[in-house]
Amino acid sequence: MEQQSTCPETNIGQDRFPGFYIMSQFHIAELARRGTVKKVTGSSPQHVAYQMGPAFNFRINTRSAYPLGLPEEFAFVVVLRMSDGTFNKNWNIWQMQDVNGDEQLAVRLDGRSQSLEFSFPSLGAGSQAAVFGRLAPLFNDQWHKILLQVRRRSVTLYVDCVMVGSQNVPPRHRVSLDGFTLIGKLKNNSLIALPFELQSMLIYCDVTRARMEACSELPASASRLNNPLVLPIGGVCGVAPPLCQPPSPFLHTAFV
């Protein structure tokens, strides 16, 4: 299988899976021990997180992090908390650039349109982005878990273990490994790092494995469970639970 040849076996505590632990690629725990990055309390008192930006430049060589590249199908998972300085910004949580600094892959949050984008190179059509809109409940100072399932012809988004939606995408072009991978940078200026708190960031090469992720420790998830009228992201909810509807098909593909 492609994932077996591309993805190393990765260990996080007792968990073992084929994939990439992005936190270790950027040596974030080691930077915290040196005092370069500040350690903070995560989504619960038992979880450790790190205060990112704006002082440190999180950029590494892509080939050193992904020697054989990424598989065609994978899942990207991040647990983060935005700050006042990121709510209204258009910034990349994670991005791959080619050697000229042009974007190849990216997971991006746009506070102005309150949307999330997955940007990718398509075969013969240049750069495209799967855009998930109407995500106002994501842009606050609570902890959130974002999960993107990237398959050959579709991208599916979950926020706090709630499915936002899925859309078809054209075939993707393989990314060049002769470039850089960055986290926490402004979209239009990758020299500027934005402030946010990061608890976890990883890539599963088994797309189905990612759905085992839980959200019980997230304050936003607990709030939804305790209040049935809280709007599921992307959904429509009336004045009583019987009027609550599943997420609506509001997704589109943006050409960039």
Protein backbone atom coordinates (compact mmCIF):
# COMPACT_ATOMS: atom_id res chain seq x y z
CA MET A 1 0.00 0.00 0.00
CA GLU A 2 1.10 3.57 -0.66
CA GLN A 3 0.85 4.61 2.99
CA GLN A 4 3.21 1.80 4.02
CA SER A 5 5.92 3.01 1.65
CA THR A 6 5.37 6.71 2.33
CA CYS A 7 4.49 6.98 6.01
CA PRO A 8 6.63 6.03 9.01
CA GLU A 9 5.24 4.36 12.12
CA THR A 10 4.70 7.19 14.59
CA ASN A 11 4.33 6.94 18.36
CA ILE A 12 2.44 9.41 20.58
CA GLY A 13 2.28 8.01 24.10
CA GLN A 14 0.64 4.58 23.84
CA ASP A 15 -0.72 5.34 20.38
CA ARG A 16 1.06 3.96 17.30
CA PHE A 17 -0.01 4.73 13.74
CA PRO A 18 1.35 5.33 10.23
CA GLY A 19 1.67 9.07 9.85
CA PHE A 20 3.49 12.22 10.89
CA TYR A 21 3.51 14.04 14.23
CA ILE A 22 3.98 17.61 13.07
CA MET A 23 4.74 18.83 16.60
CA SER A 24 7.92 16.74 16.65
CA GLN A 25 8.90 17.80 13.12
CA PHE A 26 9.16 21.36 14.44
CA HIS A 27 10.72 20.25 17.77
CA ILE A 28 8.11 22.23 19.69
CA ALA A 29 8.52 20.36 22.99
CA GLU A 30 12.30 20.86 22.81
CA LEU A 31 11.84 24.57 22.09
CA ALA A 32 9.61 24.80 25.17
CA ARG A 33 12.33 23.20 27.31
CA ARG A 34 14.75 25.87 26.05
CA GLY A 35 12.26 28.62 26.80
CA THR A 36 11.85 29.62 23.14
CA VAL A 37 8.19 28.55 23.19
CA LYS A 38 5.96 28.99 26.23
CA LYS A 39 4.15 25.94 27.61
CA VAL A 40 0.49 26.55 28.59
CA THR A 41 -2.50 24.53 29.79
CA GLY A 42 -4.35 22.84 26.95
CA SER A 43 -7.99 21.92 26.42
CA SER A 44 -8.08 20.35 29.90
CA PRO A 45 -5.74 20.49 32.92
CA GLN A 46 -4.30 17.14 31.76
CA HIS A 47 -3.33 18.45 28.33
CA VAL A 48 -0.21 20.47 27.51
CA ALA A 49 -0.22 23.11 24.80
CA TYR A 50 2.21 25.70 23.46
CA GLN A 51 1.96 29.42 22.79
CA MET A 52 2.96 29.93 19.16
CA GLY A 53 4.26 33.09 17.48
CA PRO A 54 4.91 35.77 16.75
CA ALA A 55 8.59 35.72 17.75
CA PHE A 56 9.70 32.32 16.41
CA ASN A 57 9.91 31.36 12.72
CA PHE A 58 8.36 27.91 12.30
CA ARG A 59 9.76 26.78 8.93
CA ILE A 60 11.47 23.50 8.05
CA ASN A 61 12.65 21.76 4.87
CA THR A 62 9.81 19.68 3.46
CA ARG A 63 12.06 16.83 2.39
CA SER A 64 13.39 16.40 5.93
CA ALA A 65 9.83 16.11 7.29
CA TYR A 66 8.36 14.03 4.45
CA PRO A 67 11.25 12.19 2.75
CA LEU A 68 8.90 10.22 0.48
CA GLY A 69 6.15 12.82 0.30
CA LEU A 70 2.54 12.47 1.41
CA PRO A 71 0.20 9.64 0.42
CA GLU A 72 -2.66 10.42 -1.93
CA GLU A 73 -5.12 10.01 0.95
CA PHE A 74 -4.52 11.29 4.47
CA ALA A 75 -6.19 13.03 7.42
CA PHE A 76 -4.97 16.27 8.95
CA VAL A 77 -5.85 16.85 12.63
CA VAL A 78 -5.11 19.92 14.75
CA VAL A 79 -6.22 21.05 18.21
CA LEU A 80 -5.78 24.80 18.67
CA ARG A 81 -7.08 27.94 20.30
CA MET A 82 -7.05 31.29 18.52
CA SER A 83 -6.29 34.60 20.19
CA ASP A 84 -7.66 38.10 19.63
CA GLY A 85 -4.85 38.66 17.13
CA THR A 86 -6.00 35.83 14.85
CA PHE A 87 -9.80 36.06 14.83
CA ASN A 88 -9.96 38.37 11.80
CA LYS A 89 -6.79 37.27 9.98
CA ASN A 90 -6.35 35.10 6.89
CA TRP A 91 -3.61 32.68 7.96
CA ASN A 92 -2.19 29.23 7.34
CA ILE A 93 -2.35 26.70 10.13
CA TRP A 94 -0.06 24.48 8.02
CA GLN A 95 1.44 25.10 4.60
CA MET A 96 3.80 23.50 2.08
CA GLN A 97 5.67 25.84 -0.27
CA ASP A 98 7.85 25.00 -3.26
CA VAL A 99 11.45 26.17 -3.51
CA ASN A 100 10.27 29.53 -4.90
CA GLY A 101 7.94 30.14 -1.98
CA ASP A 102 4.77 29.40 -3.95
CA GLU A 103 2.02 27.55 -2.11
CA GLN A 104 1.46 23.85 -2.77
CA LEU A 105 -0.70 22.54 0.09
CA ALA A 106 -2.30 24.53 2.91
CA VAL A 107 -4.91 24.38 5.64
CA ARG A 108 -6.06 27.95 6.08
CA LEU A 109 -8.42 29.90 8.35
CA ASP A 110 -9.94 33.15 7.09
CA GLY A 111 -11.44 35.17 9.92
CA ARG A 112 -12.93 37.76 7.58
CA SER A 113 -15.13 35.25 5.75
CA GLN A 114 -15.21 32.85 8.74
CA SER A 115 -14.18 29.96 6.52
CA LEU A 116 -11.61 27.17 6.29
CA GLU A 117 -9.75 26.33 3.10
CA PHE A 118 -7.80 23.31 1.95
CA SER A 119 -5.56 24.53 -0.87
CA PHE A 120 -3.97 22.03 -3.25
CA PRO A 121 -2.39 21.74 -6.72
CA SER A 122 -4.73 20.09 -9.23
CA LEU A 123 -3.74 18.22 -12.36
CA GLY A 124 -3.72 20.68 -15.26
CA ALA A 125 -5.80 23.38 -13.52
CA GLY A 126 -3.32 25.09 -11.22
CA SER A 127 -3.98 25.79 -7.58
CA GLN A 128 -7.47 25.22 -6.21
CA ALA A 129 -9.06 25.37 -2.77
CA ALA A 130 -11.90 23.47 -1.16
CA VAL A 131 -13.66 26.15 0.91
CA PHE A 132 -15.91 25.44 3.90
CA GLY A 133 -17.87 28.52 4.92
CA ARG A 134 -20.24 29.69 7.66
CA LEU A 135 -17.90 28.62 10.47
CA ALA A 136 -18.57 31.47 12.91
CA PRO A 137 -18.54 29.12 15.99
CA LEU A 138 -14.91 28.26 15.19
CA PHE A 139 -13.60 31.83 15.46
CA ASN A 140 -13.43 32.42 19.21
CA ASP A 141 -11.05 31.88 22.12
CA GLN A 142 -12.14 28.30 22.87
CA TRP A 143 -10.23 25.12 22.09
CA HIS A 144 -11.28 23.44 18.84
CA LYS A 145 -10.34 20.26 16.99
CA ILE A 146 -10.20 20.45 13.20
CA LEU A 147 -10.11 17.24 11.16
CA LEU A 148 -9.75 17.18 7.38
CA GLN A 149 -10.18 13.85 5.62
CA VAL A 150 -8.44 14.17 2.26
CA ARG A 151 -9.36 11.41 -0.17
CA ARG A 152 -8.57 10.98 -3.86
CA ARG A 153 -11.66 12.84 -5.07
CA SER A 154 -13.16 14.42 -1.95
CA VAL A 155 -12.38 16.49 1.14
CA THR A 156 -14.46 16.21 4.33
CA LEU A 157 -14.31 18.61 7.28
CA TYR A 158 -15.10 17.88 10.93
CA VAL A 159 -14.97 20.55 13.64
CA ASP A 160 -15.12 19.37 17.27
CA CYS A 161 -16.15 15.91 16.00
CA VAL A 162 -19.16 17.34 14.14
CA MET A 163 -19.21 16.80 10.39
CA VAL A 164 -19.43 20.14 8.62
CA GLY A 165 -19.65 18.72 5.12
CA SER A 166 -17.87 17.08 2.20
CA GLN A 167 -17.19 18.09 -1.37
CA ASN A 168 -15.74 16.55 -4.48
CA VAL A 169 -12.38 17.79 -5.72
CA PRO A 170 -10.40 17.17 -8.93
CA PRO A 171 -7.32 14.93 -8.94
CA ARG A 172 -4.38 16.48 -7.11
CA HIS A 173 -0.86 16.95 -8.42
CA ARG A 174 1.98 15.58 -6.30
CA VAL A 175 3.79 18.25 -4.31
CA SER A 176 7.47 19.02 -4.75
CA LEU A 177 9.64 18.10 -1.78
CA ASP A 178 12.19 20.80 -2.65
CA GLY A 179 10.65 23.52 -0.55
CA PHE A 180 9.50 24.39 2.94
CA THR A 181 6.75 23.52 5.40
CA LEU A 182 5.45 26.23 7.72
CA ILE A 183 2.92 26.60 10.53
CA GLY A 184 1.07 29.62 11.88
CA LYS A 185 1.88 32.14 9.12
CA LEU A 186 -0.07 34.96 7.50
CA LYS A 187 -1.40 33.95 4.06
CA ASN A 188 0.02 36.89 2.12
CA ASN A 189 3.25 37.21 4.09
CA SER A 190 4.85 34.00 5.32
CA LEU A 191 7.44 36.01 7.24
CA ILE A 192 4.77 37.01 9.76
CA ALA A 193 3.85 34.45 12.43
CA LEU A 194 0.53 34.81 14.22
CA PRO A 195 -0.19 34.21 17.92
CA PHE A 196 -2.25 31.12 18.78
CA GLU A 197 -2.06 28.14 21.14
CA LEU A 198 -1.33 24.69 19.74
CA GLN A 199 -2.00 21.42 21.54
CA SER A 200 -1.60 18.87 18.77
CA MET A 201 -1.02 18.68 15.02
CA LEU A 202 -0.59 15.45 13.08
CA ILE A 203 -1.27 13.61 9.86
CA TYR A 204 -2.79 10.13 9.74
CA CYS A 205 -2.02 8.13 6.62
CA ASP A 206 -4.99 5.88 7.41
CA VAL A 207 -7.95 8.17 6.75
CA THR A 208 -10.36 5.97 8.72
CA ARG A 209 -8.08 5.99 11.77
CA ALA A 210 -8.67 9.70 12.21
CA ARG A 211 -12.36 9.17 12.96
CA MET A 212 -11.34 7.51 16.24
CA GLU A 213 -10.42 10.98 17.50
CA ALA A 214 -12.58 12.11 20.46
CA CYS A 215 -13.61 15.60 21.54
CA SER A 216 -14.91 15.04 25.06
CA GLU A 217 -12.15 17.19 26.59
CA LEU A 218 -13.00 20.22 24.46
CA PRO A 219 -15.04 22.97 26.18
CA ALA A 220 -16.85 23.69 22.90
CA SER A 221 -17.87 20.03 22.59
CA ALA A 222 -19.07 19.88 26.20
CA SER A 223 -21.11 23.03 25.69
CA ARG A 224 -22.88 21.47 22.71
CA LEU A 225 -23.69 18.30 24.65
CA ASN A 226 -25.11 20.25 27.58
CA ASN A 227 -27.24 22.53 25.41
CA PRO A 228 -29.14 20.83 22.53
CA LEU A 229 -30.01 24.22 21.03
CA VAL A 230 -26.39 25.11 20.36
CA LEU A 231 -26.00 25.24 16.60
CA PRO A 232 -23.96 22.40 15.06
CA ILE A 233 -21.44 24.05 12.78
CA GLY A 234 -22.98 24.47 9.36
CA GLY A 235 -26.42 23.40 10.57
CA VAL A 236 -29.77 25.09 11.02
CA CYS A 237 -31.57 25.01 14.36
CA GLY A 238 -34.99 26.29 15.34
CA VAL A 239 -36.59 26.94 18.72
CA ALA A 240 -36.88 23.28 19.72
CA PRO A 241 -34.71 20.18 19.15
CA PRO A 242 -37.13 18.58 16.63
CA LEU A 243 -36.48 21.54 14.33
CA CYS A 244 -32.71 21.04 14.34
CA GLN A 245 -31.45 19.92 10.95
CA PRO A 246 -28.15 18.37 9.82
CA PRO A 247 -25.52 20.51 8.13
CA SER A 248 -26.64 22.05 4.86
CA PRO A 249 -24.72 21.73 1.56
CA PHE A 250 -23.11 25.18 1.63
CA LEU A 251 -19.71 24.16 0.30
CA HIS A 252 -18.08 25.33 -2.88
CA THR A 253 -14.76 25.10 -4.67
CA ALA A 254 -12.80 28.32 -5.04
CA PHE A 255 -10.34 28.76 -7.88
CA VAL A 256 -7.25 30.73 -6.87
